[in-house]
């Protein structure tokens, strides 16, 4: 989602489905213990460096869960933060970054005139 603030700055926000390890890293800075390589491949090991590299320039935040929302859901789909394909619970994480004026203009120009999606641009 593209948001324009009163200051004129544009920010991009998106909601991601994150594995338990990524959720704890984003929320608390906790890093999991390495997996026992007897049963797993090295690619299955979680690495903070991989997350930091993938999301460089973005602010990652654990999403606050409202009382009527589910806190997690089980999935075999890969984690959208670290890209590991291990099954498990998925939690919501918000990714946000400030766009340069050129990036914002490019994003806005990709939609035909008169067909701006209200969910794509919000003014705060």
PDB file of N, CA and C in Angstrom:
ATOM      1  N   UNK A   1       0.850  -1.163   0.000  1.00  0.00           N
ATOM      2  CA  UNK A   1       0.000   0.000   0.000  1.00  0.00           C
ATOM      3  C   UNK A   1       0.900   1.231   0.000  1.00  0.00           C
ATOM      4  N   UNK A   2       0.544   2.218  -0.772  1.00  0.00           N
ATOM      5  CA  UNK A   2       1.284   3.468  -0.866  1.00  0.00           C
ATOM      6  C   UNK A   2       0.535   4.531  -0.075  1.00  0.00           C
ATOM      7  N   UNK A   3       1.241   5.213   0.834  1.00  0.00           N
ATOM      8  CA  UNK A   3       0.614   6.204   1.701  1.00  0.00           C
ATOM      9  C   UNK A   3       1.353   7.526   1.544  1.00  0.00           C
ATOM     10  N   UNK A   4       0.588   8.615   1.368  1.00  0.00           N
ATOM     11  CA  UNK A   4       1.183   9.951   1.334  1.00  0.00           C
ATOM     12  C   UNK A   4       0.823  10.663   2.628  1.00  0.00           C
ATOM     13  N   UNK A   5       1.837  11.158   3.324  1.00  0.00           N
ATOM     14  CA  UNK A   5       1.620  11.876   4.572  1.00  0.00           C
ATOM     15  C   UNK A   5       1.479  13.364   4.296  1.00  0.00           C
ATOM     16  N   UNK A   6       0.953  14.099   5.274  1.00  0.00           N
ATOM     17  CA  UNK A   6       0.735  15.541   5.128  1.00  0.00           C
ATOM     18  C   UNK A   6       2.034  16.264   4.775  1.00  0.00           C
ATOM     19  N   UNK A   7       3.153  15.729   5.191  1.00  0.00           N
ATOM     20  CA  UNK A   7       4.459  16.332   4.894  1.00  0.00           C
ATOM     21  C   UNK A   7       4.835  16.185   3.423  1.00  0.00           C
ATOM     22  N   UNK A   8       4.077  15.363   2.687  1.00  0.00           N
ATOM     23  CA  UNK A   8       4.371  15.129   1.278  1.00  0.00           C
ATOM     24  C   UNK A   8       5.194  13.871   1.047  1.00  0.00           C
ATOM     25  N   UNK A   9       5.686  13.254   2.128  1.00  0.00           N
ATOM     26  CA  UNK A   9       6.467  12.030   2.001  1.00  0.00           C
ATOM     27  C   UNK A   9       5.567  10.853   1.637  1.00  0.00           C
ATOM     28  N   UNK A  10       6.113   9.950   0.850  1.00  0.00           N
ATOM     29  CA  UNK A  10       5.410   8.720   0.492  1.00  0.00           C
ATOM     30  C   UNK A  10       6.073   7.547   1.202  1.00  0.00           C
ATOM     31  N   UNK A  11       5.244   6.652   1.722  1.00  0.00           N
ATOM     32  CA  UNK A  11       5.724   5.442   2.368  1.00  0.00           C
ATOM     33  C   UNK A  11       4.990   4.253   1.771  1.00  0.00           C
ATOM     34  N   UNK A  12       5.689   3.145   1.682  1.00  0.00           N
ATOM     35  CA  UNK A  12       5.095   1.898   1.209  1.00  0.00           C
ATOM     36  C   UNK A  12       4.962   0.963   2.403  1.00  0.00           C
ATOM     37  N   UNK A  13       3.796   0.351   2.565  1.00  0.00           N
ATOM     38  CA  UNK A  13       3.526  -0.579   3.661  1.00  0.00           C
ATOM     39  C   UNK A  13       3.013  -1.878   3.070  1.00  0.00           C
ATOM     40  N   UNK A  14       3.387  -2.996   3.663  1.00  0.00           N
ATOM     41  CA  UNK A  14       2.802  -4.281   3.271  1.00  0.00           C
ATOM     42  C   UNK A  14       2.755  -5.201   4.485  1.00  0.00           C
ATOM     43  N   UNK A  15       1.807  -6.123   4.459  1.00  0.00           N
ATOM     44  CA  UNK A  15       1.649  -7.102   5.537  1.00  0.00           C
ATOM     45  C   UNK A  15       2.200  -8.432   5.050  1.00  0.00           C
ATOM     46  N   UNK A  16       3.030  -9.071   5.885  1.00  0.00           N
ATOM     47  CA  UNK A  16       3.687 -10.312   5.525  1.00  0.00           C
ATOM     48  C   UNK A  16       3.285 -11.439   6.470  1.00  0.00           C
ATOM     49  N   UNK A  17       3.321 -12.671   5.966  1.00  0.00           N
ATOM     50  CA  UNK A  17       3.123 -13.867   6.776  1.00  0.00           C
ATOM     51  C   UNK A  17       4.510 -14.363   7.165  1.00  0.00           C
ATOM     52  N   UNK A  18       4.810 -14.345   8.469  1.00  0.00           N
ATOM     53  CA  UNK A  18       6.149 -14.681   8.947  1.00  0.00           C
ATOM     54  C   UNK A  18       6.144 -15.939   9.799  1.00  0.00           C
ATOM     55  N   UNK A  19       7.242 -16.695   9.739  1.00  0.00           N
ATOM     56  CA  UNK A  19       7.407 -17.864  10.593  1.00  0.00           C
ATOM     57  C   UNK A  19       7.660 -17.419  12.033  1.00  0.00           C
ATOM     58  N   UNK A  20       7.591 -18.369  12.944  1.00  0.00           N
ATOM     59  CA  UNK A  20       7.781 -18.096  14.369  1.00  0.00           C
ATOM     60  C   UNK A  20       9.154 -17.463  14.628  1.00  0.00           C
ATOM     61  N   UNK A  21      10.204 -17.982  13.978  1.00  0.00           N
ATOM     62  CA  UNK A  21      11.551 -17.452  14.180  1.00  0.00           C
ATOM     63  C   UNK A  21      11.651 -15.991  13.748  1.00  0.00           C
ATOM     64  N   UNK A  22      11.096 -15.655  12.587  1.00  0.00           N
ATOM     65  CA  UNK A  22      11.135 -14.270  12.104  1.00  0.00           C
ATOM     66  C   UNK A  22      10.305 -13.357  13.000  1.00  0.00           C
ATOM     67  N   UNK A  23       9.155 -13.839  13.438  1.00  0.00           N
ATOM     68  CA  UNK A  23       8.305 -13.041  14.314  1.00  0.00           C
ATOM     69  C   UNK A  23       9.040 -12.680  15.604  1.00  0.00           C
ATOM     70  N   UNK A  24       9.691 -13.663  16.237  1.00  0.00           N
ATOM     71  CA  UNK A  24      10.425 -13.381  17.479  1.00  0.00           C
ATOM     72  C   UNK A  24      11.624 -12.465  17.231  1.00  0.00           C
ATOM     73  N   UNK A  25      12.278 -12.603  16.080  1.00  0.00           N
ATOM     74  CA  UNK A  25      13.415 -11.737  15.740  1.00  0.00           C
ATOM     75  C   UNK A  25      12.947 -10.293  15.558  1.00  0.00           C
ATOM     76  N   UNK A  26      11.854 -10.103  14.835  1.00  0.00           N
ATOM     77  CA  UNK A  26      11.333  -8.749  14.596  1.00  0.00           C
ATOM     78  C   UNK A  26      10.792  -8.141  15.892  1.00  0.00           C
ATOM     79  N   UNK A  27      10.042  -8.920  16.662  1.00  0.00           N
ATOM     80  CA  UNK A  27       9.412  -8.396  17.876  1.00  0.00           C
ATOM     81  C   UNK A  27      10.417  -8.141  18.997  1.00  0.00           C
ATOM     82  N   UNK A  28      11.370  -9.068  19.191  1.00  0.00           N
ATOM     83  CA  UNK A  28      12.249  -9.000  20.362  1.00  0.00           C
ATOM     84  C   UNK A  28      13.739  -9.010  20.064  1.00  0.00           C
ATOM     85  N   UNK A  29      14.109  -9.266  18.814  1.00  0.00           N
ATOM     86  CA  UNK A  29      15.528  -9.388  18.487  1.00  0.00           C
ATOM     87  C   UNK A  29      16.098 -10.761  18.816  1.00  0.00           C
ATOM     88  N   UNK A  30      15.219 -11.716  19.144  1.00  0.00           N
ATOM     89  CA  UNK A  30      15.667 -13.071  19.511  1.00  0.00           C
ATOM     90  C   UNK A  30      16.030 -13.871  18.266  1.00  0.00           C
ATOM     91  N   UNK A  31      17.176 -14.564  18.316  1.00  0.00           N
ATOM     92  CA  UNK A  31      17.584 -15.450  17.230  1.00  0.00           C
ATOM     93  C   UNK A  31      17.464 -16.895  17.694  1.00  0.00           C
ATOM     94  N   UNK A  32      16.890 -17.774  16.864  1.00  0.00           N
ATOM     95  CA  UNK A  32      16.714 -19.171  17.266  1.00  0.00           C
ATOM     96  C   UNK A  32      18.030 -19.943  17.293  1.00  0.00           C
ATOM     97  N   UNK A  33      18.013 -21.057  18.006  1.00  0.00           N
ATOM     98  CA  UNK A  33      19.156 -21.974  18.010  1.00  0.00           C
ATOM     99  C   UNK A  33      19.252 -22.628  16.628  1.00  0.00           C
ATOM    100  N   UNK A  34      20.467 -22.927  16.158  1.00  0.00           N
ATOM    101  CA  UNK A  34      20.593 -23.634  14.875  1.00  0.00           C
ATOM    102  C   UNK A  34      19.928 -25.010  14.942  1.00  0.00           C
ATOM    103  N   UNK A  35      19.418 -25.463  13.790  1.00  0.00           N
ATOM    104  CA  UNK A  35      18.787 -26.780  13.712  1.00  0.00           C
ATOM    105  C   UNK A  35      19.834 -27.881  13.767  1.00  0.00           C
ATOM    106  N   UNK A  36      19.441 -29.053  14.246  1.00  0.00           N
ATOM    107  CA  UNK A  36      20.293 -30.234  14.252  1.00  0.00           C
ATOM    108  C   UNK A  36      20.437 -30.707  12.801  1.00  0.00           C
ATOM    109  N   UNK A  37      21.627 -30.653  12.253  1.00  0.00           N
ATOM    110  CA  UNK A  37      21.847 -30.962  10.834  1.00  0.00           C
ATOM    111  C   UNK A  37      21.683 -32.457  10.526  1.00  0.00           C
ATOM    112  N   UNK A  38      21.425 -33.270  11.553  1.00  0.00           N
ATOM    113  CA  UNK A  38      21.142 -34.682  11.316  1.00  0.00           C
ATOM    114  C   UNK A  38      19.854 -34.828  10.514  1.00  0.00           C
ATOM    115  N   UNK A  39      18.918 -33.941  10.765  1.00  0.00           N
ATOM    116  CA  UNK A  39      17.591 -34.047  10.154  1.00  0.00           C
ATOM    117  C   UNK A  39      17.282 -32.954   9.130  1.00  0.00           C
ATOM    118  N   UNK A  40      18.084 -31.925   9.088  1.00  0.00           N
ATOM    119  CA  UNK A  40      17.771 -30.762   8.252  1.00  0.00           C
ATOM    120  C   UNK A  40      18.936 -30.410   7.348  1.00  0.00           C
ATOM    121  N   UNK A  41      18.628 -29.694   6.267  1.00  0.00           N
ATOM    122  CA  UNK A  41      19.661 -29.150   5.384  1.00  0.00           C
ATOM    123  C   UNK A  41      20.107 -27.796   5.913  1.00  0.00           C
ATOM    124  N   UNK A  42      21.292 -27.386   5.558  1.00  0.00           N
ATOM    125  CA  UNK A  42      21.801 -26.075   5.995  1.00  0.00           C
ATOM    126  C   UNK A  42      20.880 -24.949   5.540  1.00  0.00           C
ATOM    127  N   UNK A  43      20.235 -25.114   4.387  1.00  0.00           N
ATOM    128  CA  UNK A  43      19.323 -24.081   3.869  1.00  0.00           C
ATOM    129  C   UNK A  43      18.125 -23.862   4.785  1.00  0.00           C
ATOM    130  N   UNK A  44      17.804 -24.857   5.632  1.00  0.00           N
ATOM    131  CA  UNK A  44      16.672 -24.731   6.553  1.00  0.00           C
ATOM    132  C   UNK A  44      17.021 -23.914   7.792  1.00  0.00           C
ATOM    133  N   UNK A  45      18.299 -23.671   8.029  1.00  0.00           N
ATOM    134  CA  UNK A  45      18.706 -22.898   9.202  1.00  0.00           C
ATOM    135  C   UNK A  45      18.346 -21.427   9.020  1.00  0.00           C
ATOM    136  N   UNK A  46      17.805 -20.841  10.068  1.00  0.00           N
ATOM    137  CA  UNK A  46      17.403 -19.430  10.052  1.00  0.00           C
ATOM    138  C   UNK A  46      18.638 -18.563  10.239  1.00  0.00           C
ATOM    139  N   UNK A  47      18.761 -17.482   9.473  1.00  0.00           N
ATOM    140  CA  UNK A  47      19.929 -16.597   9.572  1.00  0.00           C
ATOM    141  C   UNK A  47      19.468 -15.143   9.599  1.00  0.00           C
ATOM    142  N   UNK A  48      19.858 -14.420  10.644  1.00  0.00           N
ATOM    143  CA  UNK A  48      19.530 -12.994  10.752  1.00  0.00           C
ATOM    144  C   UNK A  48      20.108 -12.231   9.567  1.00  0.00           C
ATOM    145  N   UNK A  49      21.292 -12.598   9.123  1.00  0.00           N
ATOM    146  CA  UNK A  49      21.928 -11.884   8.004  1.00  0.00           C
ATOM    147  C   UNK A  49      21.088 -11.984   6.735  1.00  0.00           C
ATOM    148  N   UNK A  50      20.450 -13.141   6.520  1.00  0.00           N
ATOM    149  CA  UNK A  50      19.609 -13.313   5.331  1.00  0.00           C
ATOM    150  C   UNK A  50      18.374 -12.421   5.411  1.00  0.00           C
ATOM    151  N   UNK A  51      17.775 -12.336   6.595  1.00  0.00           N
ATOM    152  CA  UNK A  51      16.601 -11.470   6.784  1.00  0.00           C
ATOM    153  C   UNK A  51      17.000 -10.012   6.615  1.00  0.00           C
ATOM    154  N   UNK A  52      18.099  -9.608   7.247  1.00  0.00           N
ATOM    155  CA  UNK A  52      18.540  -8.212   7.162  1.00  0.00           C
ATOM    156  C   UNK A  52      18.895  -7.814   5.735  1.00  0.00           C
ATOM    157  N   UNK A  53      19.507  -8.734   4.981  1.00  0.00           N
ATOM    158  CA  UNK A  53      19.854  -8.446   3.589  1.00  0.00           C
ATOM    159  C   UNK A  53      18.610  -8.346   2.710  1.00  0.00           C
ATOM    160  N   UNK A  54      17.676  -9.282   2.895  1.00  0.00           N
ATOM    161  CA  UNK A  54      16.444  -9.309   2.098  1.00  0.00           C
ATOM    162  C   UNK A  54      15.603  -8.052   2.306  1.00  0.00           C
ATOM    163  N   UNK A  55      15.572  -7.553   3.546  1.00  0.00           N
ATOM    164  CA  UNK A  55      14.702  -6.431   3.896  1.00  0.00           C
ATOM    165  C   UNK A  55      15.477  -5.153   4.208  1.00  0.00           C
ATOM    166  N   UNK A  56      16.665  -5.007   3.621  1.00  0.00           N
ATOM    167  CA  UNK A  56      17.469  -3.802   3.833  1.00  0.00           C
ATOM    168  C   UNK A  56      16.679  -2.575   3.360  1.00  0.00           C
ATOM    169  N   UNK A  57      16.648  -1.546   4.198  1.00  0.00           N
ATOM    170  CA  UNK A  57      15.913  -0.325   3.855  1.00  0.00           C
ATOM    171  C   UNK A  57      14.466  -0.336   4.315  1.00  0.00           C
ATOM    172  N   UNK A  58      14.002  -1.461   4.819  1.00  0.00           N
ATOM    173  CA  UNK A  58      12.626  -1.595   5.314  1.00  0.00           C
ATOM    174  C   UNK A  58      12.644  -1.624   6.835  1.00  0.00           C
ATOM    175  N   UNK A  59      11.585  -1.138   7.459  1.00  0.00           N
ATOM    176  CA  UNK A  59      11.356  -1.294   8.890  1.00  0.00           C
ATOM    177  C   UNK A  59      10.367  -2.438   9.058  1.00  0.00           C
ATOM    178  N   UNK A  60      10.751  -3.452   9.803  1.00  0.00           N
ATOM    179  CA  UNK A  60       9.873  -4.591  10.061  1.00  0.00           C
ATOM    180  C   UNK A  60       9.316  -4.472  11.477  1.00  0.00           C
ATOM    181  N   UNK A  61       7.998  -4.661  11.611  1.00  0.00           N
ATOM    182  CA  UNK A  61       7.333  -4.529  12.908  1.00  0.00           C
ATOM    183  C   UNK A  61       6.350  -5.669  13.093  1.00  0.00           C
ATOM    184  N   UNK A  62       6.319  -6.223  14.297  1.00  0.00           N
ATOM    185  CA  UNK A  62       5.320  -7.243  14.619  1.00  0.00           C
ATOM    186  C   UNK A  62       3.967  -6.556  14.685  1.00  0.00           C
ATOM    187  N   UNK A  63       2.969  -7.157  14.041  1.00  0.00           N
ATOM    188  CA  UNK A  63       1.637  -6.556  14.012  1.00  0.00           C
ATOM    189  C   UNK A  63       0.900  -6.831  15.314  1.00  0.00           C
ATOM    190  N   UNK A  64       0.293  -5.796  15.868  1.00  0.00           N
ATOM    191  CA  UNK A  64      -0.538  -5.936  17.053  1.00  0.00           C
ATOM    192  C   UNK A  64      -1.802  -6.703  16.665  1.00  0.00           C
ATOM    193  N   UNK A  65      -2.146  -7.694  17.449  1.00  0.00           N
ATOM    194  CA  UNK A  65      -3.318  -8.521  17.176  1.00  0.00           C
ATOM    195  C   UNK A  65      -4.496  -8.020  18.013  1.00  0.00           C
ATOM    196  N   UNK A  66      -5.584  -7.727  17.340  1.00  0.00           N
ATOM    197  CA  UNK A  66      -6.805  -7.311  18.036  1.00  0.00           C
ATOM    198  C   UNK A  66      -7.444  -8.525  18.705  1.00  0.00           C
ATOM    199  N   UNK A  67      -8.306  -8.289  19.677  1.00  0.00           N
ATOM    200  CA  UNK A  67      -8.934  -9.386  20.413  1.00  0.00           C
ATOM    201  C   UNK A  67      -9.696 -10.353  19.524  1.00  0.00           C
ATOM    202  N   UNK A  68     -10.349  -9.845  18.477  1.00  0.00           N
ATOM    203  CA  UNK A  68     -11.171 -10.709  17.630  1.00  0.00           C
ATOM    204  C   UNK A  68     -10.394 -11.330  16.468  1.00  0.00           C
ATOM    205  N   UNK A  69      -9.088 -11.071  16.371  1.00  0.00           N
ATOM    206  CA  UNK A  69      -8.266 -11.623  15.308  1.00  0.00           C
ATOM    207  C   UNK A  69      -7.543 -12.876  15.796  1.00  0.00           C
ATOM    208  N   UNK A  70      -7.248 -13.785  14.854  1.00  0.00           N
ATOM    209  CA  UNK A  70      -6.417 -14.935  15.187  1.00  0.00           C
ATOM    210  C   UNK A  70      -4.966 -14.485  15.226  1.00  0.00           C
ATOM    211  N   UNK A  71      -4.198 -15.014  16.170  1.00  0.00           N
ATOM    212  CA  UNK A  71      -2.803 -14.596  16.306  1.00  0.00           C
ATOM    213  C   UNK A  71      -1.884 -15.305  15.324  1.00  0.00           C
ATOM    214  N   UNK A  72      -2.267 -16.496  14.889  1.00  0.00           N
ATOM    215  CA  UNK A  72      -1.432 -17.224  13.947  1.00  0.00           C
ATOM    216  C   UNK A  72      -2.271 -18.251  13.202  1.00  0.00           C
ATOM    217  N   UNK A  73      -1.670 -18.783  12.153  1.00  0.00           N
ATOM    218  CA  UNK A  73      -2.319 -19.853  11.403  1.00  0.00           C
ATOM    219  C   UNK A  73      -1.232 -20.782  10.887  1.00  0.00           C
ATOM    220  N   UNK A  74      -1.507 -22.085  10.837  1.00  0.00           N
ATOM    221  CA  UNK A  74      -0.527 -23.055  10.359  1.00  0.00           C
ATOM    222  C   UNK A  74      -0.488 -23.027   8.839  1.00  0.00           C
ATOM    223  N   UNK A  75       0.727 -23.150   8.285  1.00  0.00           N
ATOM    224  CA  UNK A  75       0.861 -23.145   6.836  1.00  0.00           C
ATOM    225  C   UNK A  75       2.121 -23.902   6.417  1.00  0.00           C
ATOM    226  N   UNK A  76       2.026 -24.534   5.254  1.00  0.00           N
ATOM    227  CA  UNK A  76       3.205 -25.126   4.631  1.00  0.00           C
ATOM    228  C   UNK A  76       3.812 -24.157   3.618  1.00  0.00           C
ATOM    229  N   UNK A  77       3.174 -23.023   3.425  1.00  0.00           N
ATOM    230  CA  UNK A  77       3.698 -22.006   2.518  1.00  0.00           C
ATOM    231  C   UNK A  77       4.944 -21.378   3.135  1.00  0.00           C
ATOM    232  N   UNK A  78       5.899 -21.020   2.313  1.00  0.00           N
ATOM    233  CA  UNK A  78       7.135 -20.439   2.814  1.00  0.00           C
ATOM    234  C   UNK A  78       6.921 -19.121   3.541  1.00  0.00           C
ATOM    235  N   UNK A  79       7.828 -18.828   4.455  1.00  0.00           N
ATOM    236  CA  UNK A  79       7.813 -17.569   5.194  1.00  0.00           C
ATOM    237  C   UNK A  79       8.128 -16.424   4.232  1.00  0.00           C
ATOM    238  N   UNK A  80       7.349 -15.353   4.276  1.00  0.00           N
ATOM    239  CA  UNK A  80       7.563 -14.223   3.370  1.00  0.00           C
ATOM    240  C   UNK A  80       8.686 -13.301   3.837  1.00  0.00           C
ATOM    241  N   UNK A  81       9.261 -13.577   5.004  1.00  0.00           N
ATOM    242  CA  UNK A  81      10.358 -12.754   5.507  1.00  0.00           C
ATOM    243  C   UNK A  81      11.709 -13.416   5.227  1.00  0.00           C
ATOM    244  N   UNK A  82      11.864 -14.686   5.629  1.00  0.00           N
ATOM    245  CA  UNK A  82      13.161 -15.359   5.453  1.00  0.00           C
ATOM    246  C   UNK A  82      13.172 -16.341   4.275  1.00  0.00           C
ATOM    247  N   UNK A  83      12.015 -16.606   3.689  1.00  0.00           N
ATOM    248  CA  UNK A  83      11.869 -17.486   2.517  1.00  0.00           C
ATOM    249  C   UNK A  83      12.119 -18.964   2.793  1.00  0.00           C
ATOM    250  N   UNK A  84      12.214 -19.365   4.073  1.00  0.00           N
ATOM    251  CA  UNK A  84      12.341 -20.795   4.363  1.00  0.00           C
ATOM    252  C   UNK A  84      10.995 -21.459   4.105  1.00  0.00           C
ATOM    253  N   UNK A  85      11.016 -22.725   3.754  1.00  0.00           N
ATOM    254  CA  UNK A  85       9.801 -23.454   3.398  1.00  0.00           C
ATOM    255  C   UNK A  85       9.355 -24.427   4.489  1.00  0.00           C
ATOM    256  N   UNK A  86       9.814 -24.249   5.712  1.00  0.00           N
ATOM    257  CA  UNK A  86       9.404 -25.145   6.794  1.00  0.00           C
ATOM    258  C   UNK A  86       7.976 -24.830   7.192  1.00  0.00           C
ATOM    259  N   UNK A  87       7.170 -25.871   7.413  1.00  0.00           N
ATOM    260  CA  UNK A  87       5.800 -25.679   7.853  1.00  0.00           C
ATOM    261  C   UNK A  87       5.755 -25.178   9.282  1.00  0.00           C
ATOM    262  N   UNK A  88       4.683 -24.484   9.622  1.00  0.00           N
ATOM    263  CA  UNK A  88       4.521 -23.996  10.988  1.00  0.00           C
ATOM    264  C   UNK A  88       3.533 -22.858  11.047  1.00  0.00           C
ATOM    265  N   UNK A  89       3.391 -22.303  12.244  1.00  0.00           N
ATOM    266  CA  UNK A  89       2.501 -21.161  12.415  1.00  0.00           C
ATOM    267  C   UNK A  89       3.048 -19.959  11.664  1.00  0.00           C
ATOM    268  N   UNK A  90       2.139 -19.124  11.177  1.00  0.00           N
ATOM    269  CA  UNK A  90       2.506 -17.880  10.499  1.00  0.00           C
ATOM    270  C   UNK A  90       1.900 -16.716  11.276  1.00  0.00           C
ATOM    271  N   UNK A  91       2.692 -15.688  11.456  1.00  0.00           N
ATOM    272  CA  UNK A  91       2.302 -14.499  12.213  1.00  0.00           C
ATOM    273  C   UNK A  91       2.401 -13.290  11.301  1.00  0.00           C
ATOM    274  N   UNK A  92       1.681 -12.235  11.633  1.00  0.00           N
ATOM    275  CA  UNK A  92       1.658 -11.019  10.810  1.00  0.00           C
ATOM    276  C   UNK A  92       2.808 -10.084  11.178  1.00  0.00           C
ATOM    277  N   UNK A  93       3.496  -9.625  10.153  1.00  0.00           N
ATOM    278  CA  UNK A  93       4.543  -8.616  10.296  1.00  0.00           C
ATOM    279  C   UNK A  93       4.248  -7.516   9.282  1.00  0.00           C
ATOM    280  N   UNK A  94       4.457  -6.284   9.684  1.00  0.00           N
ATOM    281  CA  UNK A  94       4.292  -5.144   8.792  1.00  0.00           C
ATOM    282  C   UNK A  94       5.677  -4.688   8.335  1.00  0.00           C
ATOM    283  N   UNK A  95       5.837  -4.499   7.040  1.00  0.00           N
ATOM    284  CA  UNK A  95       7.072  -3.962   6.473  1.00  0.00           C
ATOM    285  C   UNK A  95       6.751  -2.572   5.929  1.00  0.00           C
ATOM    286  N   UNK A  96       7.598  -1.588   6.249  1.00  0.00           N
ATOM    287  CA  UNK A  96       7.363  -0.212   5.803  1.00  0.00           C
ATOM    288  C   UNK A  96       8.685   0.429   5.413  1.00  0.00           C
ATOM    289  N   UNK A  97       8.611   1.279   4.409  1.00  0.00           N
ATOM    290  CA  UNK A  97       9.806   2.042   4.013  1.00  0.00           C
ATOM    291  C   UNK A  97       9.378   3.347   3.374  1.00  0.00           C
ATOM    292  N   UNK A  98      10.249   4.340   3.490  1.00  0.00           N
ATOM    293  CA  UNK A  98       9.995   5.630   2.855  1.00  0.00           C
ATOM    294  C   UNK A  98      10.467   5.548   1.406  1.00  0.00           C
ATOM    295  N   UNK A  99       9.654   6.093   0.493  1.00  0.00           N
ATOM    296  CA  UNK A  99      10.011   6.112  -0.924  1.00  0.00           C
ATOM    297  C   UNK A  99      10.569   7.473  -1.299  1.00  0.00           C
ATOM    298  N   UNK A 100      11.510   7.484  -2.218  1.00  0.00           N
ATOM    299  CA  UNK A 100      11.984   8.743  -2.772  1.00  0.00           C
ATOM    300  C   UNK A 100      10.867   9.303  -3.652  1.00  0.00           C
ATOM    301  N   UNK A 101      10.877  10.606  -3.938  1.00  0.00           N
ATOM    302  CA  UNK A 101       9.843  11.154  -4.827  1.00  0.00           C
ATOM    303  C   UNK A 101       9.794  10.448  -6.186  1.00  0.00           C
ATOM    304  N   UNK A 102      10.950  10.059  -6.715  1.00  0.00           N
ATOM    305  CA  UNK A 102      10.995   9.356  -7.994  1.00  0.00           C
ATOM    306  C   UNK A 102      10.349   7.984  -7.928  1.00  0.00           C
ATOM    307  N   UNK A 103      10.632   7.239  -6.838  1.00  0.00           N
ATOM    308  CA  UNK A 103      10.013   5.921  -6.659  1.00  0.00           C
ATOM    309  C   UNK A 103       8.500   6.046  -6.526  1.00  0.00           C
ATOM    310  N   UNK A 104       8.040   7.044  -5.761  1.00  0.00           N
ATOM    311  CA  UNK A 104       6.602   7.249  -5.569  1.00  0.00           C
ATOM    312  C   UNK A 104       5.936   7.586  -6.899  1.00  0.00           C
ATOM    313  N   UNK A 105       6.549   8.457  -7.681  1.00  0.00           N
ATOM    314  CA  UNK A 105       5.995   8.842  -8.981  1.00  0.00           C
ATOM    315  C   UNK A 105       5.908   7.630  -9.906  1.00  0.00           C
ATOM    316  N   UNK A 106       6.935   6.808  -9.900  1.00  0.00           N
ATOM    317  CA  UNK A 106       6.936   5.600 -10.727  1.00  0.00           C
ATOM    318  C   UNK A 106       5.812   4.654 -10.309  1.00  0.00           C
ATOM    319  N   UNK A 107       5.641   4.445  -9.011  1.00  0.00           N
ATOM    320  CA  UNK A 107       4.567   3.571  -8.516  1.00  0.00           C
ATOM    321  C   UNK A 107       3.195   4.115  -8.908  1.00  0.00           C
ATOM    322  N   UNK A 108       3.007   5.437  -8.762  1.00  0.00           N
ATOM    323  CA  UNK A 108       1.716   6.040  -9.095  1.00  0.00           C
ATOM    324  C   UNK A 108       1.444   6.006 -10.590  1.00  0.00           C
ATOM    325  N   UNK A 109       2.489   6.078 -11.405  1.00  0.00           N
ATOM    326  CA  UNK A 109       2.318   6.116 -12.857  1.00  0.00           C
ATOM    327  C   UNK A 109       1.982   4.741 -13.448  1.00  0.00           C
ATOM    328  N   UNK A 110       2.150   3.676 -12.679  1.00  0.00           N
ATOM    329  CA  UNK A 110       1.871   2.335 -13.191  1.00  0.00           C
ATOM    330  C   UNK A 110       0.378   2.042 -13.286  1.00  0.00           C
ATOM    331  N   UNK A 111      -0.457   2.888 -12.680  1.00  0.00           N
ATOM    332  CA  UNK A 111      -1.902   2.700 -12.763  1.00  0.00           C
ATOM    333  C   UNK A 111      -2.462   3.673 -13.789  1.00  0.00           C
ATOM    334  N   UNK A 112      -3.369   3.227 -14.657  1.00  0.00           N
ATOM    335  CA  UNK A 112      -3.973   4.125 -15.641  1.00  0.00           C
ATOM    336  C   UNK A 112      -4.694   5.286 -14.956  1.00  0.00           C
ATOM    337  N   UNK A 113      -4.656   6.450 -15.591  1.00  0.00           N
ATOM    338  CA  UNK A 113      -5.321   7.632 -15.052  1.00  0.00           C
ATOM    339  C   UNK A 113      -6.807   7.354 -14.879  1.00  0.00           C
ATOM    340  N   UNK A 114      -7.359   7.774 -13.751  1.00  0.00           N
ATOM    341  CA  UNK A 114      -8.776   7.583 -13.485  1.00  0.00           C
ATOM    342  C   UNK A 114      -9.100   6.239 -12.879  1.00  0.00           C
ATOM    343  N   UNK A 115      -8.100   5.368 -12.741  1.00  0.00           N
ATOM    344  CA  UNK A 115      -8.346   4.048 -12.178  1.00  0.00           C
ATOM    345  C   UNK A 115      -7.488   3.811 -10.946  1.00  0.00           C
ATOM    346  N   UNK A 116      -7.218   4.849 -10.198  1.00  0.00           N
ATOM    347  CA  UNK A 116      -6.433   4.701  -8.978  1.00  0.00           C
ATOM    348  C   UNK A 116      -7.202   3.863  -7.975  1.00  0.00           C
ATOM    349  N   UNK A 117      -6.584   2.853  -7.468  1.00  0.00           N
ATOM    350  CA  UNK A 117      -7.177   1.970  -6.465  1.00  0.00           C
ATOM    351  C   UNK A 117      -7.094   2.680  -5.111  1.00  0.00           C
ATOM    352  N   UNK A 118      -8.242   2.906  -4.460  1.00  0.00           N
ATOM    353  CA  UNK A 118      -8.274   3.599  -3.175  1.00  0.00           C
ATOM    354  C   UNK A 118      -7.391   2.909  -2.139  1.00  0.00           C
ATOM    355  N   UNK A 119      -7.244   1.584  -2.213  1.00  0.00           N
ATOM    356  CA  UNK A 119      -6.409   0.890  -1.243  1.00  0.00           C
ATOM    357  C   UNK A 119      -4.932   1.100  -1.543  1.00  0.00           C
ATOM    358  N   UNK A 120      -4.612   1.554  -2.739  1.00  0.00           N
ATOM    359  CA  UNK A 120      -3.222   1.743  -3.136  1.00  0.00           C
ATOM    360  C   UNK A 120      -2.664   3.073  -2.654  1.00  0.00           C
ATOM    361  N   UNK A 121      -3.507   4.089  -2.494  1.00  0.00           N
ATOM    362  CA  UNK A 121      -3.018   5.401  -2.070  1.00  0.00           C
ATOM    363  C   UNK A 121      -3.936   5.939  -0.973  1.00  0.00           C
ATOM    364  N   UNK A 122      -3.368   6.151   0.176  1.00  0.00           N
ATOM    365  CA  UNK A 122      -4.089   6.745   1.277  1.00  0.00           C
ATOM    366  C   UNK A 122      -3.383   8.029   1.675  1.00  0.00           C
ATOM    367  N   UNK A 123      -4.128   9.020   2.072  1.00  0.00           N
ATOM    368  CA  UNK A 123      -3.546  10.270   2.537  1.00  0.00           C
ATOM    369  C   UNK A 123      -3.753  10.370   4.032  1.00  0.00           C
ATOM    370  N   UNK A 124      -2.656  10.580   4.766  1.00  0.00           N
ATOM    371  CA  UNK A 124      -2.730  10.725   6.225  1.00  0.00           C
ATOM    372  C   UNK A 124      -2.271  12.100   6.620  1.00  0.00           C
TER     373      UNK A 124
END
